[in-house]
Amino acid sequence: MRKNNIAIIIILTLMSLSSISAQLRYNYHPYSFQSLQTYPFKQSAITLHSVIEDTPEYTSYIASFTTMNRSMSLYFAIPKLPAGKKLDSIMIMLRDFHQHYSYTTGKAVESIAKEYLRSGIAIIAPDFFGFADSSEPPLGTANSAEAYLIMPINTAELYLSLASNFTIHYSTIAERYHPIPSALTFNHIALWGHGDGGLTALHTLAILQEPIPTILWAPVTIDFANAWAFSRAQYSAIASKNAKQFVTEFEQNYRMTHYNIKENLHYIAPKTPIFLHHGENDTNTPVLWSQSLVNAMNMENSKRKLKGINPILFQYNMHPRADHQLQPLQTQIILHDIAWLRQAFVNSLA
């Protein structure tokens, strides 16, 4: 009789599990904005593995660093400056959604990065877990909900690795391609995020509470669960259906406001410069999401004014006729961003 009862319990348990999305079997409480304020971030050396491209203007590499005790591959590009001049500016580029099976290091940012490199700004872009030569995520797989949610942790640890005691190692690269470590100071670090990368950038600002100059292109700005479901919908109808189930279950088990950037803007440091661009003809990320973020930023700054706290230095440009890639205005916008970034770096020293 006892064996029969145990068998019944096992069957009922399995039946109940089948109705739960795989992602929700993880614990998401440690990744709320409040919980991440005390996360034990760690720094890492950057290791260069191979040369992607060597041009008269810059050299780009496949590199890696350690985050969450796992290896993550990077696109790392260094502009060639006149002899004796130090490279003090670098931008962390956070890409938009990409299907992992067709992804290679730097693929999503390389063409845009070239303009910044020509202006003398180094570029580093994490591939994230499950992509290119990166390890698999601690739980789940590439583009799983948990991998999506820990991207700000990976970005924060990359930022800290660049900001303090920056160390560079070499794998099997010929010595002629070795950058001079003493010439890489990185006193100025910026964030750049496109689509899903924009959400990662905003989350990073909130968990680090550092006034990092940040450029956003058509960012996703909704809560984590719906943002992840939005990205999954780009895979297939089945993936979209499963993701919607995940959202329903997430809402039942977690407080959504704890994972929504618009409800946690108070964590962003005073005087953080943020420049948001969105194309009026964007058919990927809804323009209404950026307009909603603008409203939330205005409300946050109004609260700060009443409390005597410095505001978030937020700017928003809507570009008529531009699409999700900000074409046909992309080159002009990048040049504008470079000028804005230079001024933001100067202001940070004031």
Protein backbone atom coordinates (compact mmCIF):
# COMPACT_ATOMS: atom_id res chain seq x y z
CA MET A 1 0.00 0.00 0.00
CA ARG A 2 2.84 2.37 0.93
CA LYS A 3 4.55 1.72 -2.45
CA ASN A 4 1.30 2.49 -4.29
CA ASN A 5 0.96 5.81 -2.43
CA ILE A 6 4.54 6.76 -3.30
CA ALA A 7 3.93 5.92 -6.96
CA ILE A 8 0.78 8.07 -7.00
CA ILE A 9 2.66 10.99 -5.43
CA ILE A 10 5.45 10.73 -8.04
CA ILE A 11 2.93 10.64 -10.90
CA LEU A 12 1.02 13.66 -9.55
CA THR A 13 4.27 15.57 -9.06
CA LEU A 14 5.40 14.89 -12.62
CA MET A 15 1.99 15.91 -13.95
CA SER A 16 2.18 19.20 -12.09
CA LEU A 17 5.73 19.87 -13.30
CA SER A 18 4.73 19.42 -16.92
CA SER A 19 2.55 22.51 -16.67
CA ILE A 20 5.41 24.64 -15.35
CA SER A 21 7.77 26.26 -17.81
CA ALA A 22 11.34 25.04 -17.46
CA GLN A 23 12.71 28.51 -16.81
CA LEU A 24 10.51 29.10 -13.76
CA ARG A 25 12.09 26.17 -11.94
CA TYR A 26 15.01 28.48 -11.16
CA ASN A 27 15.09 30.93 -8.24
CA TYR A 28 14.90 34.54 -9.42
CA HIS A 29 14.82 36.28 -6.04
CA PRO A 30 18.63 36.83 -6.02
CA TYR A 31 18.31 38.84 -9.25
CA SER A 32 15.84 41.51 -8.18
CA PHE A 33 17.15 45.07 -8.23
CA GLN A 34 17.20 45.19 -4.44
CA SER A 35 19.02 41.86 -4.07
CA LEU A 36 21.67 42.81 -6.63
CA GLN A 37 22.67 45.88 -4.59
CA THR A 38 24.72 43.54 -2.40
CA TYR A 39 25.93 41.14 -5.11
CA PRO A 40 29.63 40.20 -4.63
CA PHE A 41 30.95 41.40 -8.00
CA LYS A 42 34.43 40.24 -9.01
CA GLN A 43 37.07 41.65 -11.34
CA SER A 44 38.95 39.68 -13.97
CA ALA A 45 41.89 40.02 -16.29
CA ILE A 46 41.16 40.31 -20.02
CA THR A 47 42.86 37.63 -22.15
CA LEU A 48 43.49 38.15 -25.88
CA HIS A 49 43.22 34.92 -27.90
CA SER A 50 43.35 35.78 -31.59
CA VAL A 51 43.24 38.67 -34.05
CA ILE A 52 40.00 39.22 -35.96
CA GLU A 53 41.16 42.14 -38.07
CA ASP A 54 44.26 44.33 -38.26
CA THR A 55 43.76 47.60 -40.12
CA PRO A 56 45.67 50.92 -40.27
CA GLU A 57 43.04 52.34 -37.89
CA TYR A 58 42.53 49.59 -35.29
CA THR A 59 43.12 45.97 -34.31
CA SER A 60 40.25 43.77 -33.17
CA TYR A 61 40.57 40.58 -31.14
CA ILE A 62 38.66 37.61 -29.83
CA ALA A 63 39.21 37.94 -26.10
CA SER A 64 37.71 36.61 -22.88
CA PHE A 65 37.25 37.37 -19.21
CA THR A 66 35.84 35.55 -16.20
CA THR A 67 32.38 36.38 -14.87
CA MET A 68 30.36 34.38 -12.37
CA ASN A 69 33.38 32.03 -12.28
CA ARG A 70 32.93 31.14 -15.97
CA SER A 71 34.65 32.20 -19.16
CA MET A 72 32.90 34.67 -21.45
CA SER A 73 34.24 35.56 -24.89
CA LEU A 74 34.53 39.17 -25.98
CA TYR A 75 34.98 41.34 -29.03
CA PHE A 76 37.82 43.73 -28.10
CA ALA A 77 39.00 46.40 -30.53
CA ILE A 78 41.76 48.94 -29.92
CA PRO A 79 42.30 52.02 -32.11
CA LYS A 80 45.83 52.80 -33.27
CA LEU A 81 46.87 56.12 -31.77
CA PRO A 82 49.98 58.24 -32.42
CA ALA A 83 53.11 57.12 -30.56
CA GLY A 84 53.18 58.29 -26.97
CA LYS A 85 49.44 58.96 -26.76
CA LYS A 86 47.48 56.98 -24.16
CA LEU A 87 44.13 55.36 -24.86
CA ASP A 88 41.88 56.50 -22.04
CA SER A 89 38.34 55.88 -23.39
CA ILE A 90 36.47 52.62 -23.93
CA MET A 91 32.85 51.74 -24.59
CA ILE A 92 31.12 48.52 -23.58
CA MET A 93 28.76 47.62 -26.42
CA LEU A 94 25.72 45.52 -25.50
CA ARG A 95 24.10 43.95 -28.51
CA ASP A 96 20.50 43.41 -29.47
CA PHE A 97 18.85 39.96 -29.49
CA HIS A 98 20.58 37.40 -31.71
CA GLN A 99 19.97 33.72 -32.35
CA HIS A 100 22.90 31.85 -30.85
CA TYR A 101 23.33 29.24 -33.58
CA SER A 102 24.29 31.85 -36.21
CA TYR A 103 26.28 34.14 -33.91
CA THR A 104 30.02 34.83 -34.03
CA THR A 105 32.11 37.15 -31.86
CA GLY A 106 31.53 40.79 -32.71
CA LYS A 107 28.96 40.05 -35.41
CA ALA A 108 26.22 42.20 -33.88
CA VAL A 109 28.35 45.30 -33.16
CA GLU A 110 31.36 45.26 -35.50
CA SER A 111 30.04 47.57 -38.22
CA ILE A 112 28.83 50.18 -35.72
CA ALA A 113 31.98 49.88 -33.59
CA LYS A 114 34.21 51.01 -36.49
CA GLU A 115 32.97 54.60 -36.30
CA TYR A 116 33.78 54.83 -32.59
CA LEU A 117 37.19 53.22 -33.15
CA ARG A 118 38.05 55.81 -35.78
CA SER A 119 37.34 58.51 -33.18
CA GLY A 120 39.85 56.96 -30.76
CA ILE A 121 37.44 55.08 -28.48
CA ALA A 122 38.22 51.43 -27.75
CA ILE A 123 35.37 48.93 -27.94
CA ILE A 124 34.66 45.83 -25.88
CA ALA A 125 31.52 43.73 -26.37
CA PRO A 126 30.58 40.61 -24.36
CA ASP A 127 29.18 37.68 -26.33
CA PHE A 128 27.30 36.47 -23.20
CA PHE A 129 26.90 32.90 -22.01
CA GLY A 130 26.10 30.27 -24.61
CA PHE A 131 27.30 32.46 -27.50
CA ALA A 132 30.49 32.09 -29.56
CA ASP A 133 33.30 30.80 -27.30
CA SER A 134 31.57 31.61 -24.01
CA SER A 135 30.75 28.95 -21.43
CA GLU A 136 27.18 27.82 -20.99
CA PRO A 137 25.25 29.84 -18.38
CA PRO A 138 25.21 28.64 -14.74
CA LEU A 139 21.64 27.46 -15.29
CA GLY A 140 19.71 27.11 -18.52
CA THR A 141 21.08 27.61 -22.01
CA ALA A 142 21.84 30.48 -24.38
CA ASN A 143 18.88 32.89 -24.52
CA SER A 144 17.19 31.19 -21.53
CA ALA A 145 15.40 33.45 -19.06
CA GLU A 146 18.12 33.10 -16.44
CA ALA A 147 20.91 33.81 -18.93
CA TYR A 148 18.96 36.92 -19.98
CA LEU A 149 18.54 38.13 -16.40
CA ILE A 150 22.21 37.75 -15.42
CA MET A 151 23.52 39.80 -18.37
CA PRO A 152 23.70 42.94 -16.15
CA ILE A 153 25.87 41.00 -13.67
CA ASN A 154 28.22 40.01 -16.50
CA THR A 155 28.31 43.63 -17.72
CA ALA A 156 28.92 45.00 -14.23
CA GLU A 157 31.85 42.62 -13.73
CA LEU A 158 33.28 43.61 -17.11
CA TYR A 159 32.97 47.30 -16.19
CA LEU A 160 34.74 46.76 -12.86
CA SER A 161 37.47 44.75 -14.60
CA LEU A 162 38.17 47.74 -16.85
CA ALA A 163 37.75 50.44 -14.21
CA SER A 164 40.21 49.23 -11.57
CA ASN A 165 43.57 47.50 -11.89
CA PHE A 166 42.98 46.71 -15.56
CA THR A 167 45.07 43.66 -16.48
CA ILE A 168 45.61 42.18 -19.92
CA HIS A 169 46.98 38.72 -20.70
CA TYR A 170 47.95 37.12 -24.00
CA SER A 171 47.19 33.63 -25.24
CA THR A 172 48.89 32.68 -28.52
CA ILE A 173 48.92 36.05 -30.27
CA ALA A 174 52.10 37.10 -32.05
CA GLU A 175 54.00 39.77 -30.14
CA ARG A 176 53.53 42.36 -32.90
CA TYR A 177 49.82 42.40 -32.08
CA HIS A 178 50.33 42.97 -28.35
CA PRO A 179 48.94 46.34 -27.21
CA ILE A 180 51.14 48.18 -24.72
CA PRO A 181 49.40 47.77 -21.31
CA SER A 182 50.76 51.08 -19.97
CA ALA A 183 49.09 52.88 -22.89
CA LEU A 184 45.66 51.54 -21.89
CA THR A 185 44.36 53.54 -18.94
CA PHE A 186 40.57 53.60 -19.52
CA ASN A 187 39.82 56.54 -17.27
CA HIS A 188 36.58 56.96 -19.21
CA ILE A 189 34.15 54.07 -19.65
CA ALA A 190 30.77 54.26 -21.35
CA LEU A 191 27.89 51.88 -22.02
CA TRP A 192 26.10 51.46 -25.35
CA GLY A 193 23.02 49.28 -25.65
CA HIS A 194 20.81 48.40 -28.60
CA GLY A 195 17.37 46.77 -28.14
CA ASP A 196 17.78 44.11 -25.45
CA GLY A 197 21.27 45.49 -24.85
CA GLY A 198 19.65 48.77 -23.85
CA LEU A 199 17.75 47.01 -21.07
CA THR A 200 21.00 45.36 -19.93
CA ALA A 201 22.68 48.79 -19.85
CA LEU A 202 19.90 50.31 -17.74
CA HIS A 203 19.93 47.37 -15.33
CA THR A 204 23.73 47.72 -15.05
CA LEU A 205 23.40 51.39 -14.14
CA ALA A 206 20.89 50.50 -11.43
CA ILE A 207 22.92 47.72 -9.82
CA LEU A 208 26.29 49.53 -9.94
CA GLN A 209 24.96 52.99 -9.04
CA GLU A 210 27.84 54.57 -10.96
CA PRO A 211 27.26 57.65 -13.20
CA ILE A 212 28.39 55.86 -16.37
CA PRO A 213 27.68 57.75 -19.63
CA THR A 214 25.19 55.59 -21.52
CA ILE A 215 23.91 55.59 -25.10
CA LEU A 216 20.69 53.71 -25.83
CA TRP A 217 19.39 52.76 -29.27
CA ALA A 218 15.76 51.66 -29.38
CA PRO A 219 16.02 49.98 -25.97
CA VAL A 220 13.69 47.36 -24.55
CA THR A 221 12.42 49.00 -21.34
CA ILE A 222 9.70 46.71 -19.98
CA ASP A 223 9.93 44.29 -17.06
CA PHE A 224 12.34 41.34 -17.23
CA ALA A 225 9.76 38.59 -17.79
CA ASN A 226 7.95 40.32 -20.65
CA ALA A 227 11.25 41.52 -22.13
CA TRP A 228 12.53 37.96 -22.26
CA ALA A 229 9.25 36.74 -23.74
CA PHE A 230 9.54 39.49 -26.37
CA SER A 231 12.97 38.20 -27.40
CA ARG A 232 11.78 34.57 -27.45
CA ALA A 233 8.97 35.50 -29.83
CA GLN A 234 11.63 36.17 -32.46
CA TYR A 235 12.51 32.45 -32.50
CA SER A 236 9.18 30.81 -33.35
CA ALA A 237 5.47 30.66 -32.52
CA ILE A 238 6.11 27.73 -30.16
CA ALA A 239 8.87 29.61 -28.32
CA SER A 240 6.56 32.61 -28.04
CA LYS A 241 3.75 30.49 -26.57
CA ASN A 242 6.07 28.93 -23.98
CA ALA A 243 7.44 32.35 -23.08
CA LYS A 244 3.93 33.71 -22.48
CA GLN A 245 3.32 30.80 -20.11
CA PHE A 246 6.55 31.77 -18.33
CA VAL A 247 5.30 35.35 -17.90
CA THR A 248 2.00 34.15 -16.41
CA GLU A 249 3.80 31.92 -13.92
CA PHE A 250 6.39 34.60 -13.11
CA GLU A 251 3.61 37.07 -12.28
CA GLN A 252 2.08 34.52 -9.92
CA ASN A 253 5.32 33.87 -8.05
CA TYR A 254 7.26 37.14 -8.10
CA ARG A 255 6.55 40.83 -7.68
CA MET A 256 6.96 42.26 -11.18
CA THR A 257 7.95 45.73 -9.95
CA HIS A 258 11.11 44.23 -8.46
CA TYR A 259 12.26 43.36 -11.99
CA ASN A 260 11.04 46.46 -13.88
CA ILE A 261 13.62 49.17 -14.58
CA LYS A 262 10.98 51.91 -14.71
CA GLU A 263 10.06 51.09 -11.09
CA ASN A 264 13.72 51.16 -9.99
CA LEU A 265 15.16 54.30 -11.55
CA HIS A 266 15.90 55.58 -8.04
CA TYR A 267 18.93 53.26 -8.02
CA ILE A 268 20.55 55.12 -10.93
CA ALA A 269 23.27 57.50 -9.70
CA PRO A 270 22.67 61.27 -9.74
CA LYS A 271 24.05 63.07 -12.81
CA THR A 272 24.22 59.87 -14.86
CA PRO A 273 24.21 61.03 -18.51
CA ILE A 274 21.89 58.95 -20.70
CA PHE A 275 21.20 59.61 -24.39
CA LEU A 276 18.32 57.64 -25.92
CA HIS A 277 17.61 57.38 -29.65
CA HIS A 278 14.60 55.76 -31.27
CA GLY A 279 13.55 55.60 -34.90
CA GLU A 280 10.00 56.58 -35.71
CA ASN A 281 9.74 53.69 -38.20
CA ASP A 282 11.07 51.03 -35.82
CA THR A 283 9.04 47.86 -36.41
CA ASN A 284 11.02 45.81 -33.87
CA THR A 285 11.04 47.65 -30.53
CA PRO A 286 7.86 49.71 -30.00
CA VAL A 287 8.43 53.46 -29.84
CA LEU A 288 5.86 53.60 -27.03
CA TRP A 289 8.33 51.77 -24.77
CA SER A 290 10.83 54.63 -25.08
CA GLN A 291 8.12 57.20 -24.55
CA SER A 292 7.08 55.33 -21.41
CA LEU A 293 10.68 55.42 -20.17
CA VAL A 294 10.81 59.17 -20.85
CA ASN A 295 7.71 59.63 -18.68
CA ALA A 296 9.20 57.47 -15.93
CA MET A 297 12.49 59.44 -16.06
CA ASN A 298 10.62 62.73 -15.80
CA MET A 299 8.68 61.44 -12.78
CA GLU A 300 11.89 60.19 -11.14
CA ASN A 301 13.63 63.52 -11.67
CA SER A 302 10.62 65.37 -10.25
CA LYS A 303 10.87 63.26 -7.08
CA ARG A 304 14.60 63.95 -6.89
CA LYS A 305 14.02 67.69 -7.20
CA LEU A 306 11.66 67.64 -4.21
CA LYS A 307 14.30 65.72 -2.20
CA GLY A 308 17.18 67.94 -3.29
CA ILE A 309 18.87 65.09 -5.20
CA ASN A 310 20.67 65.69 -8.49
CA PRO A 311 18.69 64.42 -11.51
CA ILE A 312 19.48 61.77 -14.08
CA LEU A 313 20.83 63.70 -17.10
CA PHE A 314 18.47 62.15 -19.61
CA GLN A 315 18.09 63.12 -23.28
CA TYR A 316 15.73 61.63 -25.84
CA ASN A 317 15.79 61.98 -29.63
CA MET A 318 13.03 60.62 -31.84
CA HIS A 319 14.28 60.27 -35.41
CA PRO A 320 11.70 60.57 -38.21
CA ARG A 321 11.94 57.91 -40.94
CA ALA A 322 14.63 55.95 -39.03
CA ASP A 323 14.24 52.20 -38.45
CA HIS A 324 15.42 49.89 -35.64
CA GLN A 325 19.06 50.25 -36.82
CA LEU A 326 18.54 54.04 -37.03
CA GLN A 327 19.01 53.86 -40.79
CA PRO A 328 19.26 55.89 -42.96
CA LEU A 329 20.58 58.26 -40.27
CA GLN A 330 22.94 55.88 -38.48
CA THR A 331 26.25 57.51 -39.46
CA GLN A 332 25.08 61.01 -38.48
CA ILE A 333 23.71 59.71 -35.17
CA ILE A 334 26.98 57.94 -34.34
CA LEU A 335 28.96 61.13 -34.99
CA HIS A 336 26.54 63.01 -32.75
CA ASP A 337 26.91 60.31 -30.09
CA ILE A 338 30.70 60.59 -30.21
CA ALA A 339 30.55 64.35 -29.63
CA TRP A 340 28.03 63.85 -26.81
CA LEU A 341 30.21 61.15 -25.25
CA ARG A 342 33.32 63.34 -25.35
CA GLN A 343 31.42 66.09 -23.53
CA ALA A 344 30.07 63.60 -20.98
CA PHE A 345 33.64 62.46 -20.25
CA VAL A 346 34.75 66.09 -19.78
CA ASN A 347 31.80 66.80 -17.48
CA SER A 348 32.64 63.75 -15.36
CA LEU A 349 35.94 65.38 -14.45
CA ALA A 350 34.33 68.67 -13.42
